[in-house]
């Protein structure tokens, strides 16, 4: 970790025309490249990937691909379809979900650890790979490797902090930064992953570390996996949300709006009945939308989803 230097400790080491002074505006303390826990996890996967066939070997091989951020592997070893965290797998199907890396490198990593075998889950990405094992001559045997590139699952966070004169003016930005760092794992802890569970308690430490002023009154999570309401045949024109029908729940002010083409950070700010005002001007054709309110202590993530958030998805209140 490298501390942010004081302004008076910063100087220009090489002259640049018309550049006379330099100062530090802001910054955060860095973190170790790899924590002990992260090293142990990587070591276990690197050992597993040396074998062929087991789910752990496939997972380890995929996670070793440059650029891969998260992966999940599951094998249905039964003669019947099974449903695993939002995804239905055919009999004996192998499910692989990957975020990051190039499709060709990911497919080759899957094939190297699995080889020809059970059918793949009908994912959204298919790549042709070739078996270049010793003994084969061109043209090499070709196989189709299919895997899933998960959609993003926005995690909405509502944080209440005890109000006091010591709370800085940029408290919301600092708290949002701590939450996003925890989600991404850049704070030294585990990152949110495909098929995992996001716990509200994961964010306590990062927020508390901001200073004695950061006293958490409550911290709640929400996602489209557990919406407060679902609205069908609904559209947005400018800042007007027109609700066609309410499939479940109740529409209310303060709810986040999630759906195809809906801008991140869209909240309902006013309205009633079938006409509501949203916080961001946009155009969204008629579709089904989820309305989200953070009311949970944890969010379960499906195996075809990758949890994430931006600063727009974090609401900080002083109470």
C-alpha atoms as a PDB file:
ATOM      1  CA  UNK A   1       0.000   0.000   0.000  1.00  0.00           C
ATOM      2  CA  UNK A   2       1.202   3.495  -0.845  1.00  0.00           C
ATOM      3  CA  UNK A   3      -0.179   6.415   1.128  1.00  0.00           C
ATOM      4  CA  UNK A   4      -1.373   9.539  -0.645  1.00  0.00           C
ATOM      5  CA  UNK A   5       1.448  12.096  -0.319  1.00  0.00           C
ATOM      6  CA  UNK A   6       1.022  15.510   1.215  1.00  0.00           C
ATOM      7  CA  UNK A   7       0.995  18.382  -1.282  1.00  0.00           C
ATOM      8  CA  UNK A   8       4.244  19.790   0.075  1.00  0.00           C
ATOM      9  CA  UNK A   9       5.936  16.430  -0.552  1.00  0.00           C
ATOM     10  CA  UNK A  10       5.200  16.492  -4.276  1.00  0.00           C
ATOM     11  CA  UNK A  11       7.549  18.078  -6.762  1.00  0.00           C
ATOM     12  CA  UNK A  12       8.184  18.108 -10.509  1.00  0.00           C
ATOM     13  CA  UNK A  13      11.267  16.020 -11.291  1.00  0.00           C
ATOM     14  CA  UNK A  14      11.499  16.959 -14.966  1.00  0.00           C
ATOM     15  CA  UNK A  15      10.851  20.417 -16.423  1.00  0.00           C
ATOM     16  CA  UNK A  16       7.914  20.770 -18.781  1.00  0.00           C
ATOM     17  CA  UNK A  17       7.257  24.078 -20.580  1.00  0.00           C
ATOM     18  CA  UNK A  18       4.500  26.172 -18.922  1.00  0.00           C
ATOM     19  CA  UNK A  19       4.119  23.672 -16.070  1.00  0.00           C
ATOM     20  CA  UNK A  20       5.324  25.369 -12.903  1.00  0.00           C
ATOM     21  CA  UNK A  21       3.538  23.731  -9.969  1.00  0.00           C
ATOM     22  CA  UNK A  22       1.882  20.439  -9.070  1.00  0.00           C
ATOM     23  CA  UNK A  23      -0.387  19.493  -6.171  1.00  0.00           C
ATOM     24  CA  UNK A  24      -2.352  16.508  -4.892  1.00  0.00           C
ATOM     25  CA  UNK A  25      -6.106  16.952  -5.248  1.00  0.00           C
ATOM     26  CA  UNK A  26      -7.298  13.649  -3.819  1.00  0.00           C
ATOM     27  CA  UNK A  27      -6.449   9.980  -3.532  1.00  0.00           C
ATOM     28  CA  UNK A  28      -6.850   6.804  -1.556  1.00  0.00           C
ATOM     29  CA  UNK A  29      -4.382   4.433   0.034  1.00  0.00           C
ATOM     30  CA  UNK A  30      -3.492   1.566  -2.275  1.00  0.00           C
ATOM     31  CA  UNK A  31      -3.810  -2.126  -1.479  1.00  0.00           C
ATOM     32  CA  UNK A  32      -1.490  -5.111  -1.817  1.00  0.00           C
ATOM     33  CA  UNK A  33      -1.537  -6.688  -5.256  1.00  0.00           C
ATOM     34  CA  UNK A  34      -2.729  -9.969  -3.751  1.00  0.00           C
ATOM     35  CA  UNK A  35      -3.924 -10.723  -0.218  1.00  0.00           C
ATOM     36  CA  UNK A  36      -3.027 -13.937   1.574  1.00  0.00           C
ATOM     37  CA  UNK A  37      -6.609 -15.184   1.176  1.00  0.00           C
ATOM     38  CA  UNK A  38      -6.567 -14.423  -2.540  1.00  0.00           C
ATOM     39  CA  UNK A  39      -3.248 -16.219  -2.924  1.00  0.00           C
ATOM     40  CA  UNK A  40      -4.531 -19.351  -1.173  1.00  0.00           C
ATOM     41  CA  UNK A  41      -7.632 -19.379  -3.389  1.00  0.00           C
ATOM     42  CA  UNK A  42      -5.512 -19.002  -6.519  1.00  0.00           C
ATOM     43  CA  UNK A  43      -3.104 -21.705  -5.362  1.00  0.00           C
ATOM     44  CA  UNK A  44      -5.948 -24.158  -4.847  1.00  0.00           C
ATOM     45  CA  UNK A  45      -7.333 -23.488  -8.296  1.00  0.00           C
ATOM     46  CA  UNK A  46      -3.929 -23.741  -9.953  1.00  0.00           C
ATOM     47  CA  UNK A  47      -3.461 -27.203  -8.453  1.00  0.00           C
ATOM     48  CA  UNK A  48      -6.956 -28.305  -9.486  1.00  0.00           C
ATOM     49  CA  UNK A  49      -6.504 -27.195 -13.072  1.00  0.00           C
ATOM     50  CA  UNK A  50      -3.650 -29.627 -13.574  1.00  0.00           C
ATOM     51  CA  UNK A  51      -6.150 -32.506 -13.660  1.00  0.00           C
ATOM     52  CA  UNK A  52      -8.707 -33.228 -16.390  1.00  0.00           C
ATOM     53  CA  UNK A  53     -12.460 -33.688 -16.065  1.00  0.00           C
ATOM     54  CA  UNK A  54     -13.459 -32.530 -12.575  1.00  0.00           C
ATOM     55  CA  UNK A  55     -15.493 -29.354 -12.265  1.00  0.00           C
ATOM     56  CA  UNK A  56     -12.711 -27.796 -10.179  1.00  0.00           C
ATOM     57  CA  UNK A  57     -10.227 -28.419 -12.994  1.00  0.00           C
ATOM     58  CA  UNK A  58     -12.425 -26.642 -15.522  1.00  0.00           C
ATOM     59  CA  UNK A  59     -13.022 -23.753 -13.124  1.00  0.00           C
ATOM     60  CA  UNK A  60      -9.329 -23.409 -12.336  1.00  0.00           C
ATOM     61  CA  UNK A  61      -8.376 -23.516 -16.001  1.00  0.00           C
ATOM     62  CA  UNK A  62     -10.923 -20.856 -16.938  1.00  0.00           C
ATOM     63  CA  UNK A  63      -9.962 -18.543 -14.077  1.00  0.00           C
ATOM     64  CA  UNK A  64      -6.350 -18.736 -15.257  1.00  0.00           C
ATOM     65  CA  UNK A  65      -7.288 -17.177 -18.618  1.00  0.00           C
ATOM     66  CA  UNK A  66      -5.992 -13.581 -18.801  1.00  0.00           C
ATOM     67  CA  UNK A  67      -8.786 -11.073 -18.276  1.00  0.00           C
ATOM     68  CA  UNK A  68     -11.293 -13.468 -16.702  1.00  0.00           C
ATOM     69  CA  UNK A  69     -12.972 -11.754 -13.747  1.00  0.00           C
ATOM     70  CA  UNK A  70     -15.377 -14.427 -12.554  1.00  0.00           C
ATOM     71  CA  UNK A  71     -16.459 -17.935 -13.514  1.00  0.00           C
ATOM     72  CA  UNK A  72     -18.868 -20.648 -12.406  1.00  0.00           C
ATOM     73  CA  UNK A  73     -18.980 -24.315 -13.420  1.00  0.00           C
ATOM     74  CA  UNK A  74     -21.697 -26.854 -12.629  1.00  0.00           C
ATOM     75  CA  UNK A  75     -22.303 -30.362 -13.939  1.00  0.00           C
ATOM     76  CA  UNK A  76     -25.713 -32.050 -13.941  1.00  0.00           C
ATOM     77  CA  UNK A  77     -24.738 -35.669 -13.326  1.00  0.00           C
ATOM     78  CA  UNK A  78     -28.312 -36.947 -13.343  1.00  0.00           C
ATOM     79  CA  UNK A  79     -30.515 -38.376 -16.097  1.00  0.00           C
ATOM     80  CA  UNK A  80     -33.116 -35.661 -15.501  1.00  0.00           C
ATOM     81  CA  UNK A  81     -33.192 -31.882 -15.979  1.00  0.00           C
ATOM     82  CA  UNK A  82     -32.308 -29.886 -12.863  1.00  0.00           C
ATOM     83  CA  UNK A  83     -32.735 -26.217 -12.002  1.00  0.00           C
ATOM     84  CA  UNK A  84     -29.763 -24.557 -10.363  1.00  0.00           C
ATOM     85  CA  UNK A  85     -30.118 -20.951  -9.182  1.00  0.00           C
ATOM     86  CA  UNK A  86     -32.323 -19.716 -11.989  1.00  0.00           C
ATOM     87  CA  UNK A  87     -30.918 -21.921 -14.769  1.00  0.00           C
ATOM     88  CA  UNK A  88     -32.431 -25.222 -15.970  1.00  0.00           C
ATOM     89  CA  UNK A  89     -29.847 -27.751 -17.139  1.00  0.00           C
ATOM     90  CA  UNK A  90     -30.616 -30.728 -19.384  1.00  0.00           C
ATOM     91  CA  UNK A  91     -29.619 -34.241 -18.330  1.00  0.00           C
ATOM     92  CA  UNK A  92     -25.827 -34.649 -18.002  1.00  0.00           C
ATOM     93  CA  UNK A  93     -25.248 -31.087 -19.226  1.00  0.00           C
ATOM     94  CA  UNK A  94     -22.159 -29.101 -18.262  1.00  0.00           C
ATOM     95  CA  UNK A  95     -22.738 -25.440 -17.412  1.00  0.00           C
ATOM     96  CA  UNK A  96     -19.916 -22.901 -17.634  1.00  0.00           C
ATOM     97  CA  UNK A  97     -20.418 -19.167 -17.043  1.00  0.00           C
ATOM     98  CA  UNK A  98     -17.531 -16.760 -17.600  1.00  0.00           C
ATOM     99  CA  UNK A  99     -17.040 -12.995 -17.442  1.00  0.00           C
ATOM    100  CA  UNK A 100     -13.941 -11.512 -19.068  1.00  0.00           C
ATOM    101  CA  UNK A 101     -11.211 -12.901 -21.290  1.00  0.00           C
ATOM    102  CA  UNK A 102     -11.562 -13.554 -25.000  1.00  0.00           C
ATOM    103  CA  UNK A 103     -14.167 -16.086 -26.122  1.00  0.00           C
ATOM    104  CA  UNK A 104     -11.537 -18.130 -27.990  1.00  0.00           C
ATOM    105  CA  UNK A 105      -9.206 -18.346 -24.974  1.00  0.00           C
ATOM    106  CA  UNK A 106     -12.066 -19.254 -22.643  1.00  0.00           C
ATOM    107  CA  UNK A 107     -13.339 -21.993 -24.976  1.00  0.00           C
ATOM    108  CA  UNK A 108      -9.845 -23.444 -25.342  1.00  0.00           C
ATOM    109  CA  UNK A 109      -9.406 -23.470 -21.547  1.00  0.00           C
ATOM    110  CA  UNK A 110     -12.718 -25.301 -21.111  1.00  0.00           C
ATOM    111  CA  UNK A 111     -11.847 -27.885 -23.750  1.00  0.00           C
ATOM    112  CA  UNK A 112      -8.333 -28.429 -22.360  1.00  0.00           C
ATOM    113  CA  UNK A 113      -9.717 -29.358 -18.939  1.00  0.00           C
ATOM    114  CA  UNK A 114     -12.835 -31.203 -20.079  1.00  0.00           C
ATOM    115  CA  UNK A 115     -12.042 -32.792 -23.414  1.00  0.00           C
ATOM    116  CA  UNK A 116     -14.792 -34.389 -25.532  1.00  0.00           C
ATOM    117  CA  UNK A 117     -17.603 -35.484 -23.277  1.00  0.00           C
ATOM    118  CA  UNK A 118     -21.086 -34.590 -21.979  1.00  0.00           C
ATOM    119  CA  UNK A 119     -23.161 -31.991 -23.801  1.00  0.00           C
ATOM    120  CA  UNK A 120     -22.847 -28.331 -22.924  1.00  0.00           C
ATOM    121  CA  UNK A 121     -25.650 -26.200 -21.568  1.00  0.00           C
ATOM    122  CA  UNK A 122     -27.138 -24.175 -24.444  1.00  0.00           C
ATOM    123  CA  UNK A 123     -25.396 -20.955 -23.470  1.00  0.00           C
ATOM    124  CA  UNK A 124     -25.203 -17.719 -25.426  1.00  0.00           C
ATOM    125  CA  UNK A 125     -21.647 -18.144 -26.768  1.00  0.00           C
ATOM    126  CA  UNK A 126     -20.304 -20.961 -28.976  1.00  0.00           C
ATOM    127  CA  UNK A 127     -16.699 -21.261 -30.195  1.00  0.00           C
ATOM    128  CA  UNK A 128     -15.073 -23.920 -32.384  1.00  0.00           C
ATOM    129  CA  UNK A 129     -11.885 -25.381 -30.913  1.00  0.00           C
ATOM    130  CA  UNK A 130      -9.462 -27.925 -32.340  1.00  0.00           C
ATOM    131  CA  UNK A 131      -7.844 -30.928 -30.699  1.00  0.00           C
ATOM    132  CA  UNK A 132      -4.146 -30.592 -31.507  1.00  0.00           C
ATOM    133  CA  UNK A 133      -3.040 -33.384 -29.189  1.00  0.00           C
ATOM    134  CA  UNK A 134       0.037 -35.400 -30.253  1.00  0.00           C
ATOM    135  CA  UNK A 135      -0.944 -38.066 -32.773  1.00  0.00           C
ATOM    136  CA  UNK A 136      -3.347 -35.882 -34.732  1.00  0.00           C
ATOM    137  CA  UNK A 137      -2.457 -34.329 -38.069  1.00  0.00           C
ATOM    138  CA  UNK A 138      -4.263 -31.454 -39.817  1.00  0.00           C
ATOM    139  CA  UNK A 139      -7.119 -31.193 -40.329  1.00  0.00           C
ATOM    140  CA  UNK A 140      -7.508 -31.474 -36.548  1.00  0.00           C
ATOM    141  CA  UNK A 141     -10.745 -32.731 -34.967  1.00  0.00           C
ATOM    142  CA  UNK A 142     -13.086 -29.785 -34.359  1.00  0.00           C
ATOM    143  CA  UNK A 143     -15.463 -29.409 -31.415  1.00  0.00           C
ATOM    144  CA  UNK A 144     -18.022 -26.770 -30.455  1.00  0.00           C
ATOM    145  CA  UNK A 145     -17.636 -25.382 -26.941  1.00  0.00           C
ATOM    146  CA  UNK A 146     -20.658 -23.518 -25.600  1.00  0.00           C
ATOM    147  CA  UNK A 147     -20.680 -21.380 -22.487  1.00  0.00           C
ATOM    148  CA  UNK A 148     -22.641 -18.533 -20.917  1.00  0.00           C
ATOM    149  CA  UNK A 149     -21.562 -14.905 -20.664  1.00  0.00           C
ATOM    150  CA  UNK A 150     -23.748 -13.743 -17.747  1.00  0.00           C
ATOM    151  CA  UNK A 151     -25.825 -10.612 -17.727  1.00  0.00           C
ATOM    152  CA  UNK A 152     -25.151  -7.995 -15.075  1.00  0.00           C
ATOM    153  CA  UNK A 153     -27.235  -7.908 -11.905  1.00  0.00           C
ATOM    154  CA  UNK A 154     -27.349  -4.428 -10.405  1.00  0.00           C
ATOM    155  CA  UNK A 155     -27.055  -4.353  -6.635  1.00  0.00           C
ATOM    156  CA  UNK A 156     -28.899  -1.373  -5.166  1.00  0.00           C
ATOM    157  CA  UNK A 157     -27.666  -0.149  -1.794  1.00  0.00           C
ATOM    158  CA  UNK A 158     -29.370   2.156   0.712  1.00  0.00           C
ATOM    159  CA  UNK A 159     -27.117   3.406   3.518  1.00  0.00           C
ATOM    160  CA  UNK A 160     -28.158   5.473   6.513  1.00  0.00           C
ATOM    161  CA  UNK A 161     -25.391   7.244   8.421  1.00  0.00           C
ATOM    162  CA  UNK A 162     -25.661   9.028  11.754  1.00  0.00           C
ATOM    163  CA  UNK A 163     -25.683  12.745  11.045  1.00  0.00           C
ATOM    164  CA  UNK A 164     -23.180  14.930  12.867  1.00  0.00           C
ATOM    165  CA  UNK A 165     -20.993  17.972  12.294  1.00  0.00           C
ATOM    166  CA  UNK A 166     -18.039  15.688  11.565  1.00  0.00           C
ATOM    167  CA  UNK A 167     -19.646  14.129   8.483  1.00  0.00           C
ATOM    168  CA  UNK A 168     -17.682  15.480   5.476  1.00  0.00           C
ATOM    169  CA  UNK A 169     -19.357  17.162   2.519  1.00  0.00           C
ATOM    170  CA  UNK A 170     -18.238  14.326   0.217  1.00  0.00           C
ATOM    171  CA  UNK A 171     -19.533  11.568   2.498  1.00  0.00           C
ATOM    172  CA  UNK A 172     -21.775  10.101  -0.221  1.00  0.00           C
ATOM    173  CA  UNK A 173     -18.871   9.800  -2.666  1.00  0.00           C
ATOM    174  CA  UNK A 174     -16.621   8.232  -0.023  1.00  0.00           C
ATOM    175  CA  UNK A 175     -19.259   5.698   1.026  1.00  0.00           C
ATOM    176  CA  UNK A 176     -20.106   4.828  -2.581  1.00  0.00           C
ATOM    177  CA  UNK A 177     -16.411   4.295  -3.281  1.00  0.00           C
ATOM    178  CA  UNK A 178     -16.055   1.939  -0.322  1.00  0.00           C
ATOM    179  CA  UNK A 179     -19.101  -0.086  -1.419  1.00  0.00           C
ATOM    180  CA  UNK A 180     -17.953  -0.368  -5.032  1.00  0.00           C
ATOM    181  CA  UNK A 181     -14.461  -1.399  -3.905  1.00  0.00           C
ATOM    182  CA  UNK A 182     -15.959  -4.183  -1.767  1.00  0.00           C
ATOM    183  CA  UNK A 183     -18.127  -5.410  -4.651  1.00  0.00           C
ATOM    184  CA  UNK A 184     -15.128  -5.525  -6.980  1.00  0.00           C
ATOM    185  CA  UNK A 185     -12.802  -6.978  -4.339  1.00  0.00           C
ATOM    186  CA  UNK A 186     -10.291  -4.137  -4.733  1.00  0.00           C
ATOM    187  CA  UNK A 187     -10.414  -3.497  -0.985  1.00  0.00           C
ATOM    188  CA  UNK A 188      -8.525  -6.738  -0.331  1.00  0.00           C
ATOM    189  CA  UNK A 189     -11.622  -8.842   0.405  1.00  0.00           C
ATOM    190  CA  UNK A 190     -13.487 -11.298  -1.835  1.00  0.00           C
ATOM    191  CA  UNK A 191     -15.223  -9.888  -4.900  1.00  0.00           C
ATOM    192  CA  UNK A 192     -18.908 -10.511  -5.610  1.00  0.00           C
ATOM    193  CA  UNK A 193     -19.131 -13.472  -7.967  1.00  0.00           C
ATOM    194  CA  UNK A 194     -21.391 -15.363 -10.326  1.00  0.00           C
ATOM    195  CA  UNK A 195     -23.833 -17.528  -8.388  1.00  0.00           C
ATOM    196  CA  UNK A 196     -22.741 -16.183  -4.997  1.00  0.00           C
ATOM    197  CA  UNK A 197     -24.484 -14.188  -2.294  1.00  0.00           C
ATOM    198  CA  UNK A 198     -23.894 -10.507  -1.628  1.00  0.00           C
ATOM    199  CA  UNK A 199     -24.139  -9.708   2.085  1.00  0.00           C
ATOM    200  CA  UNK A 200     -24.790  -6.250   3.493  1.00  0.00           C
ATOM    201  CA  UNK A 201     -22.222  -6.936   6.206  1.00  0.00           C
ATOM    202  CA  UNK A 202     -19.522  -7.148   3.496  1.00  0.00           C
ATOM    203  CA  UNK A 203     -19.647  -3.345   3.235  1.00  0.00           C
ATOM    204  CA  UNK A 204     -19.479  -2.461   6.931  1.00  0.00           C
ATOM    205  CA  UNK A 205     -15.711  -2.621   7.283  1.00  0.00           C
ATOM    206  CA  UNK A 206     -14.932  -0.393   4.310  1.00  0.00           C
ATOM    207  CA  UNK A 207     -17.408   2.252   5.419  1.00  0.00           C
ATOM    208  CA  UNK A 208     -16.269   2.179   9.054  1.00  0.00           C
ATOM    209  CA  UNK A 209     -12.668   2.581   7.908  1.00  0.00           C
ATOM    210  CA  UNK A 210     -13.541   5.969   6.392  1.00  0.00           C
ATOM    211  CA  UNK A 211     -13.407   7.545   9.828  1.00  0.00           C
ATOM    212  CA  UNK A 212     -15.150   7.831  13.209  1.00  0.00           C
ATOM    213  CA  UNK A 213     -17.891   9.860  11.544  1.00  0.00           C
ATOM    214  CA  UNK A 214     -19.040   6.871   9.473  1.00  0.00           C
ATOM    215  CA  UNK A 215     -21.538   5.396  11.934  1.00  0.00           C
ATOM    216  CA  UNK A 216     -23.855   3.002  10.072  1.00  0.00           C
ATOM    217  CA  UNK A 217     -27.475   3.159  11.203  1.00  0.00           C
ATOM    218  CA  UNK A 218     -28.656   0.735   8.509  1.00  0.00           C
ATOM    219  CA  UNK A 219     -27.430  -0.765   5.251  1.00  0.00           C
ATOM    220  CA  UNK A 220     -29.848  -2.652   3.017  1.00  0.00           C
ATOM    221  CA  UNK A 221     -29.600  -4.265  -0.419  1.00  0.00           C
ATOM    222  CA  UNK A 222     -31.955  -4.836  -3.319  1.00  0.00           C
ATOM    223  CA  UNK A 223     -31.946  -6.301  -6.823  1.00  0.00           C
ATOM    224  CA  UNK A 224     -34.257  -7.234  -9.656  1.00  0.00           C
ATOM    225  CA  UNK A 225     -34.172 -10.817  -8.340  1.00  0.00           C
ATOM    226  CA  UNK A 226     -36.489  -9.667  -5.522  1.00  0.00           C
ATOM    227  CA  UNK A 227     -38.393  -6.666  -6.917  1.00  0.00           C
ATOM    228  CA  UNK A 228     -40.836  -4.590  -4.916  1.00  0.00           C
ATOM    229  CA  UNK A 229     -43.073  -4.479  -7.982  1.00  0.00           C
ATOM    230  CA  UNK A 230     -43.177  -5.648 -11.603  1.00  0.00           C
ATOM    231  CA  UNK A 231     -44.851  -3.503 -14.260  1.00  0.00           C
ATOM    232  CA  UNK A 232     -45.731  -4.748 -17.758  1.00  0.00           C
ATOM    233  CA  UNK A 233     -46.298  -2.894 -21.073  1.00  0.00           C
ATOM    234  CA  UNK A 234     -44.690   0.182 -19.537  1.00  0.00           C
ATOM    235  CA  UNK A 235     -42.618   2.880 -21.234  1.00  0.00           C
ATOM    236  CA  UNK A 236     -40.595   6.015 -20.509  1.00  0.00           C
ATOM    237  CA  UNK A 237     -40.712   9.206 -22.553  1.00  0.00           C
ATOM    238  CA  UNK A 238     -38.571  12.024 -21.223  1.00  0.00           C
ATOM    239  CA  UNK A 239     -39.051  11.881 -17.477  1.00  0.00           C
ATOM    240  CA  UNK A 240     -42.531  10.330 -17.641  1.00  0.00           C
ATOM    241  CA  UNK A 241     -42.984   6.658 -16.824  1.00  0.00           C
ATOM    242  CA  UNK A 242     -46.286   5.328 -18.117  1.00  0.00           C
ATOM    243  CA  UNK A 243     -47.367   2.131 -16.387  1.00  0.00           C
ATOM    244  CA  UNK A 244     -49.435  -0.208 -18.535  1.00  0.00           C
ATOM    245  CA  UNK A 245     -50.235  -2.775 -15.863  1.00  0.00           C
ATOM    246  CA  UNK A 246     -48.892  -3.865 -12.483  1.00  0.00           C
ATOM    247  CA  UNK A 247     -48.063  -7.584 -12.486  1.00  0.00           C
ATOM    248  CA  UNK A 248     -47.114  -7.654  -8.807  1.00  0.00           C
ATOM    249  CA  UNK A 249     -46.429  -5.316  -5.908  1.00  0.00           C
ATOM    250  CA  UNK A 250     -47.166  -1.603  -5.701  1.00  0.00           C
ATOM    251  CA  UNK A 251     -45.565   1.304  -7.559  1.00  0.00           C
ATOM    252  CA  UNK A 252     -44.182   3.956  -5.196  1.00  0.00           C
ATOM    253  CA  UNK A 253     -41.912   6.992  -5.050  1.00  0.00           C
ATOM    254  CA  UNK A 254     -38.272   6.143  -4.331  1.00  0.00           C
ATOM    255  CA  UNK A 255     -38.222   2.860  -6.240  1.00  0.00           C
ATOM    256  CA  UNK A 256     -35.391   2.198  -8.700  1.00  0.00           C
ATOM    257  CA  UNK A 257     -36.495   1.270 -12.218  1.00  0.00           C
ATOM    258  CA  UNK A 258     -34.757  -1.685 -13.878  1.00  0.00           C
ATOM    259  CA  UNK A 259     -35.416  -3.036 -17.354  1.00  0.00           C
ATOM    260  CA  UNK A 260     -34.189  -3.322 -20.961  1.00  0.00           C
ATOM    261  CA  UNK A 261     -32.858   0.043 -22.083  1.00  0.00           C
ATOM    262  CA  UNK A 262     -33.538   1.786 -18.757  1.00  0.00           C
ATOM    263  CA  UNK A 263     -30.676   4.081 -17.723  1.00  0.00           C
ATOM    264  CA  UNK A 264     -28.763   3.094 -14.602  1.00  0.00           C
ATOM    265  CA  UNK A 265     -29.706   5.233 -11.614  1.00  0.00           C
ATOM    266  CA  UNK A 266     -33.317   5.792 -12.681  1.00  0.00           C
ATOM    267  CA  UNK A 267     -35.604   6.389  -9.688  1.00  0.00           C
ATOM    268  CA  UNK A 268     -39.283   7.287  -9.359  1.00  0.00           C
ATOM    269  CA  UNK A 269     -39.470  10.774  -7.875  1.00  0.00           C
ATOM    270  CA  UNK A 270     -43.180  11.632  -8.094  1.00  0.00           C
ATOM    271  CA  UNK A 271     -46.500  10.585  -9.573  1.00  0.00           C
ATOM    272  CA  UNK A 272     -49.476   8.315  -9.033  1.00  0.00           C
ATOM    273  CA  UNK A 273     -51.757   5.923 -10.881  1.00  0.00           C
ATOM    274  CA  UNK A 274     -50.332   5.135 -14.313  1.00  0.00           C
ATOM    275  CA  UNK A 275     -48.170   8.271 -14.696  1.00  0.00           C
ATOM    276  CA  UNK A 276     -44.939   8.700 -12.743  1.00  0.00           C
ATOM    277  CA  UNK A 277     -41.902  10.971 -12.925  1.00  0.00           C
ATOM    278  CA  UNK A 278     -38.412   9.469 -13.087  1.00  0.00           C
ATOM    279  CA  UNK A 279     -35.068  11.040 -12.279  1.00  0.00           C
ATOM    280  CA  UNK A 280     -33.408  10.625 -15.704  1.00  0.00           C
ATOM    281  CA  UNK A 281     -34.809  11.770 -19.040  1.00  0.00           C
ATOM    282  CA  UNK A 282     -34.768   8.946 -21.594  1.00  0.00           C
ATOM    283  CA  UNK A 283     -36.809   6.996 -24.122  1.00  0.00           C
ATOM    284  CA  UNK A 284     -37.700   3.377 -23.434  1.00  0.00           C
ATOM    285  CA  UNK A 285     -40.177   1.430 -25.571  1.00  0.00           C
ATOM    286  CA  UNK A 286     -42.957  -0.576 -24.000  1.00  0.00           C
ATOM    287  CA  UNK A 287     -41.520  -3.438 -21.976  1.00  0.00           C
ATOM    288  CA  UNK A 288     -41.627  -5.154 -18.602  1.00  0.00           C
ATOM    289  CA  UNK A 289     -39.743  -3.385 -15.821  1.00  0.00           C
ATOM    290  CA  UNK A 290     -38.786  -4.268 -12.266  1.00  0.00           C
ATOM    291  CA  UNK A 291     -39.080  -1.737  -9.465  1.00  0.00           C
ATOM    292  CA  UNK A 292     -36.482  -2.219  -6.732  1.00  0.00           C
ATOM    293  CA  UNK A 293     -36.226  -1.010  -3.146  1.00  0.00           C
ATOM    294  CA  UNK A 294     -33.275  -2.056  -0.930  1.00  0.00           C
ATOM    295  CA  UNK A 295     -34.895  -3.944   1.972  1.00  0.00           C
ATOM    296  CA  UNK A 296     -32.672  -7.049   2.247  1.00  0.00           C
ATOM    297  CA  UNK A 297     -29.647  -8.085   4.268  1.00  0.00           C
ATOM    298  CA  UNK A 298     -28.385 -10.263   1.423  1.00  0.00           C
ATOM    299  CA  UNK A 299     -28.968 -10.810  -2.296  1.00  0.00           C
ATOM    300  CA  UNK A 300     -28.720 -14.219  -3.950  1.00  0.00           C
ATOM    301  CA  UNK A 301     -27.139 -14.120  -7.400  1.00  0.00           C
ATOM    302  CA  UNK A 302     -28.151 -16.602 -10.116  1.00  0.00           C
ATOM    303  CA  UNK A 303     -25.489 -18.572 -11.952  1.00  0.00           C
ATOM    304  CA  UNK A 304     -26.175 -16.595 -15.139  1.00  0.00           C
ATOM    305  CA  UNK A 305     -25.658 -13.229 -13.439  1.00  0.00           C
ATOM    306  CA  UNK A 306     -22.668 -11.136 -12.346  1.00  0.00           C
ATOM    307  CA  UNK A 307     -23.400  -8.680  -9.519  1.00  0.00           C
ATOM    308  CA  UNK A 308     -22.190  -5.132  -9.825  1.00  0.00           C
ATOM    309  CA  UNK A 309     -23.079  -1.502  -9.208  1.00  0.00           C
ATOM    310  CA  UNK A 310     -22.134   2.073  -9.939  1.00  0.00           C
ATOM    311  CA  UNK A 311     -22.247   5.152  -7.713  1.00  0.00           C
ATOM    312  CA  UNK A 312     -25.729   5.835  -9.138  1.00  0.00           C
ATOM    313  CA  UNK A 313     -27.010   2.673  -7.443  1.00  0.00           C
ATOM    314  CA  UNK A 314     -25.943   3.762  -3.939  1.00  0.00           C
ATOM    315  CA  UNK A 315     -28.190   6.089  -1.937  1.00  0.00           C
ATOM    316  CA  UNK A 316     -26.751   7.615   1.229  1.00  0.00           C
ATOM    317  CA  UNK A 317     -28.989   9.287   3.817  1.00  0.00           C
ATOM    318  CA  UNK A 318     -27.991  11.173   6.976  1.00  0.00           C
ATOM    319  CA  UNK A 319     -30.324  10.461   9.894  1.00  0.00           C
END
